Every structure is written in structure tokens, then in C-alpha cells.
Amino acid sequence: MRNQQTPLGRTEQAALERLYDDYEPVTDSFSRAVAVTALAELDFEPSVAHSVLDRLLSKGYLYAVDGDLHITDSP
């Protein structure tokens, strides 16, 4: 569940919206590598993309199951 006290920054919001364009919340899954590739379209360097994914996971906007990522719900 999302922590309401940890809103998204602009970079995190842009990343989540980009992932949301391709993946249905909760039902669709994707690998971390696919997410990094998608975020490269926003000119995120791989290290930045990994960092943003980690923040989205820690804030509850993404979750991981068996190594795959899922979006919790719409941004």
C-alpha cells in the first residue's frame, strides 16, 4: 500500500506515467530490464532509471513478485 506521506517527485511521476502507458496496473508485469529500457525513452541513464525504480518500489507505487514489477494502480 502507498504511503500517503511520500508523494512523487517530478522524475518519479514521469517514470510512473511512462510505465503506466504500457502496462495495466496490478495485472500486467514487466522485468526491471524492460522498465529501464522504457525509461531510456525519457532520456534516463540506466543508473538513474534503477534509482527511480527503487524509489517507486520503496514508496509503494510499484511492487515486485517473483522478480517481476507491477504498478499498484494509476498514477
N, C-alpha and C. Protein backbone atom coordinates (compact mmCIF):
# COMPACT_ATOMS: atom_id res chain seq x y z
N MET A 1 0.84 -1.18 0.00
CA MET A 1 0.00 0.00 0.00
C MET A 1 0.88 1.25 0.00
N ARG A 2 0.44 2.26 -0.67
CA ARG A 2 1.17 3.52 -0.77
C ARG A 2 1.21 4.26 0.54
N ASN A 3 2.33 4.90 0.77
CA ASN A 3 2.46 5.78 1.92
C ASN A 3 2.08 7.17 1.46
N GLN A 4 0.98 7.69 1.97
CA GLN A 4 0.49 9.00 1.55
C GLN A 4 1.45 10.13 1.93
N GLN A 5 2.39 9.85 2.80
CA GLN A 5 3.35 10.87 3.23
C GLN A 5 4.55 10.96 2.29
N THR A 6 4.61 10.11 1.28
CA THR A 6 5.75 10.12 0.36
C THR A 6 5.27 10.35 -1.08
N PRO A 7 4.92 11.59 -1.39
CA PRO A 7 4.48 11.89 -2.76
C PRO A 7 5.63 11.74 -3.75
N LEU A 8 5.27 11.67 -5.00
CA LEU A 8 6.26 11.53 -6.06
C LEU A 8 6.88 12.86 -6.45
N GLY A 9 8.17 12.81 -6.74
CA GLY A 9 8.85 13.94 -7.34
C GLY A 9 8.55 13.94 -8.84
N ARG A 10 8.98 14.96 -9.53
CA ARG A 10 8.70 15.07 -10.97
C ARG A 10 9.29 13.91 -11.76
N THR A 11 10.52 13.54 -11.45
CA THR A 11 11.17 12.44 -12.16
C THR A 11 10.43 11.13 -11.93
N GLU A 12 10.07 10.88 -10.68
CA GLU A 12 9.33 9.67 -10.35
C GLU A 12 7.97 9.64 -11.03
N GLN A 13 7.28 10.77 -11.04
CA GLN A 13 5.98 10.87 -11.68
C GLN A 13 6.09 10.59 -13.18
N ALA A 14 7.09 11.18 -13.82
CA ALA A 14 7.29 10.96 -15.26
C ALA A 14 7.57 9.48 -15.54
N ALA A 15 8.38 8.86 -14.71
CA ALA A 15 8.70 7.45 -14.89
C ALA A 15 7.45 6.59 -14.72
N LEU A 16 6.68 6.84 -13.69
CA LEU A 16 5.47 6.06 -13.44
C LEU A 16 4.47 6.23 -14.58
N GLU A 17 4.32 7.44 -15.06
CA GLU A 17 3.40 7.67 -16.18
C GLU A 17 3.86 6.94 -17.43
N ARG A 18 5.18 6.92 -17.66
CA ARG A 18 5.72 6.21 -18.84
C ARG A 18 5.42 4.71 -18.73
N LEU A 19 5.62 4.13 -17.57
CA LEU A 19 5.34 2.71 -17.38
C LEU A 19 3.84 2.44 -17.48
N TYR A 20 3.05 3.35 -16.96
CA TYR A 20 1.60 3.20 -16.99
C TYR A 20 1.07 3.21 -18.43
N ASP A 21 1.77 3.90 -19.33
CA ASP A 21 1.36 3.93 -20.74
C ASP A 21 1.39 2.53 -21.36
N ASP A 22 2.30 1.68 -20.89
CA ASP A 22 2.48 0.35 -21.47
C ASP A 22 1.88 -0.79 -20.66
N TYR A 23 1.67 -0.59 -19.38
CA TYR A 23 1.29 -1.71 -18.52
C TYR A 23 0.06 -1.38 -17.69
N GLU A 24 -0.85 -2.33 -17.66
CA GLU A 24 -2.08 -2.21 -16.88
C GLU A 24 -1.74 -2.42 -15.40
N PRO A 25 -2.15 -1.50 -14.55
CA PRO A 25 -1.86 -1.65 -13.12
C PRO A 25 -2.34 -3.00 -12.59
N VAL A 26 -1.56 -3.54 -11.70
CA VAL A 26 -1.81 -4.79 -10.97
C VAL A 26 -1.74 -6.03 -11.85
N THR A 27 -2.39 -6.05 -13.01
CA THR A 27 -2.47 -7.28 -13.80
C THR A 27 -1.24 -7.53 -14.67
N ASP A 28 -0.67 -6.50 -15.27
CA ASP A 28 0.50 -6.68 -16.14
C ASP A 28 1.78 -6.63 -15.32
N SER A 29 2.72 -7.45 -15.72
CA SER A 29 4.04 -7.42 -15.08
C SER A 29 5.10 -7.15 -16.13
N PHE A 30 6.25 -6.71 -15.67
CA PHE A 30 7.36 -6.41 -16.56
C PHE A 30 8.66 -6.56 -15.78
N SER A 31 9.72 -6.85 -16.49
CA SER A 31 11.01 -7.01 -15.83
C SER A 31 11.64 -5.65 -15.56
N ARG A 32 12.59 -5.64 -14.68
CA ARG A 32 13.32 -4.41 -14.38
C ARG A 32 14.06 -3.93 -15.63
N ALA A 33 14.61 -4.87 -16.42
CA ALA A 33 15.33 -4.50 -17.65
C ALA A 33 14.40 -3.81 -18.64
N VAL A 34 13.18 -4.30 -18.77
CA VAL A 34 12.20 -3.68 -19.66
C VAL A 34 11.86 -2.28 -19.17
N ALA A 35 11.72 -2.13 -17.86
CA ALA A 35 11.41 -0.81 -17.30
C ALA A 35 12.55 0.17 -17.56
N VAL A 36 13.78 -0.29 -17.41
CA VAL A 36 14.93 0.59 -17.66
C VAL A 36 14.96 1.01 -19.12
N THR A 37 14.66 0.09 -20.02
CA THR A 37 14.60 0.41 -21.45
C THR A 37 13.51 1.43 -21.73
N ALA A 38 12.34 1.26 -21.12
CA ALA A 38 11.24 2.21 -21.31
C ALA A 38 11.62 3.59 -20.80
N LEU A 39 12.32 3.64 -19.66
CA LEU A 39 12.70 4.93 -19.10
C LEU A 39 13.83 5.59 -19.89
N ALA A 40 14.57 4.80 -20.64
CA ALA A 40 15.59 5.37 -21.53
C ALA A 40 14.95 6.26 -22.58
N GLU A 41 13.68 5.98 -22.93
CA GLU A 41 12.96 6.83 -23.88
C GLU A 41 12.73 8.23 -23.32
N LEU A 42 12.81 8.35 -22.00
CA LEU A 42 12.70 9.66 -21.35
C LEU A 42 14.08 10.25 -21.08
N ASP A 43 15.09 9.65 -21.69
CA ASP A 43 16.49 10.07 -21.54
C ASP A 43 17.04 9.82 -20.15
N PHE A 44 16.50 8.82 -19.45
CA PHE A 44 17.06 8.43 -18.15
C PHE A 44 18.28 7.55 -18.41
N GLU A 45 19.39 7.87 -17.80
CA GLU A 45 20.55 7.00 -17.81
C GLU A 45 20.18 5.73 -17.03
N PRO A 46 20.77 4.58 -17.35
CA PRO A 46 20.42 3.35 -16.64
C PRO A 46 20.54 3.46 -15.11
N SER A 47 21.58 4.11 -14.63
CA SER A 47 21.73 4.24 -13.17
C SER A 47 20.61 5.08 -12.56
N VAL A 48 20.17 6.11 -13.27
CA VAL A 48 19.06 6.94 -12.81
C VAL A 48 17.76 6.14 -12.85
N ALA A 49 17.55 5.39 -13.92
CA ALA A 49 16.35 4.57 -14.05
C ALA A 49 16.26 3.57 -12.90
N HIS A 50 17.36 2.90 -12.58
CA HIS A 50 17.36 1.95 -11.46
C HIS A 50 17.04 2.65 -10.15
N SER A 51 17.60 3.81 -9.95
CA SER A 51 17.34 4.57 -8.73
C SER A 51 15.87 4.97 -8.63
N VAL A 52 15.30 5.43 -9.73
CA VAL A 52 13.89 5.82 -9.74
C VAL A 52 13.01 4.61 -9.48
N LEU A 53 13.32 3.48 -10.08
CA LEU A 53 12.54 2.26 -9.83
C LEU A 53 12.61 1.87 -8.36
N ASP A 54 13.79 1.98 -7.77
CA ASP A 54 13.94 1.67 -6.34
C ASP A 54 13.06 2.60 -5.49
N ARG A 55 13.04 3.87 -5.84
CA ARG A 55 12.20 4.82 -5.08
C ARG A 55 10.71 4.52 -5.26
N LEU A 56 10.30 4.18 -6.48
CA LEU A 56 8.90 3.82 -6.72
C LEU A 56 8.52 2.56 -5.94
N LEU A 57 9.43 1.62 -5.86
CA LEU A 57 9.19 0.41 -5.06
C LEU A 57 9.09 0.75 -3.58
N SER A 58 10.01 1.56 -3.09
CA SER A 58 10.02 1.87 -1.66
C SER A 58 8.82 2.72 -1.25
N LYS A 59 8.30 3.50 -2.17
CA LYS A 59 7.13 4.35 -1.87
C LYS A 59 5.81 3.62 -2.12
N GLY A 60 5.88 2.41 -2.67
CA GLY A 60 4.67 1.63 -2.87
C GLY A 60 3.94 1.86 -4.17
N TYR A 61 4.52 2.57 -5.11
CA TYR A 61 3.88 2.79 -6.40
C TYR A 61 4.10 1.60 -7.33
N LEU A 62 5.17 0.86 -7.09
CA LEU A 62 5.44 -0.40 -7.78
C LEU A 62 5.60 -1.47 -6.71
N TYR A 63 5.40 -2.72 -7.10
CA TYR A 63 5.73 -3.82 -6.22
C TYR A 63 6.31 -4.95 -7.06
N ALA A 64 7.05 -5.83 -6.41
CA ALA A 64 7.72 -6.91 -7.11
C ALA A 64 7.16 -8.25 -6.66
N VAL A 65 6.98 -9.15 -7.63
CA VAL A 65 6.54 -10.52 -7.37
C VAL A 65 7.40 -11.43 -8.25
N ASP A 66 8.12 -12.33 -7.62
CA ASP A 66 8.97 -13.28 -8.34
C ASP A 66 9.87 -12.58 -9.35
N GLY A 67 10.42 -11.45 -8.98
CA GLY A 67 11.35 -10.73 -9.84
C GLY A 67 10.71 -9.83 -10.88
N ASP A 68 9.40 -9.89 -11.03
CA ASP A 68 8.72 -9.00 -11.97
C ASP A 68 8.10 -7.83 -11.23
N LEU A 69 8.01 -6.70 -11.92
CA LEU A 69 7.43 -5.50 -11.34
C LEU A 69 5.98 -5.34 -11.77
N HIS A 70 5.20 -4.72 -10.91
CA HIS A 70 3.80 -4.41 -11.18
C HIS A 70 3.54 -2.98 -10.70
N ILE A 71 2.63 -2.29 -11.36
CA ILE A 71 2.19 -0.97 -10.91
C ILE A 71 1.01 -1.19 -9.97
N THR A 72 1.01 -0.49 -8.83
CA THR A 72 -0.06 -0.71 -7.87
C THR A 72 -1.41 -0.23 -8.38
N ASP A 73 -1.47 0.93 -8.98
CA ASP A 73 -2.67 1.45 -9.62
C ASP A 73 -2.28 2.66 -10.44
N SER A 74 -3.25 3.39 -10.97
CA SER A 74 -2.95 4.51 -11.88
C SER A 74 -2.20 5.63 -11.16
N PRO A 75 -1.36 6.37 -11.93
CA PRO A 75 -0.60 7.47 -11.31
C PRO A 75 -1.50 8.63 -10.94
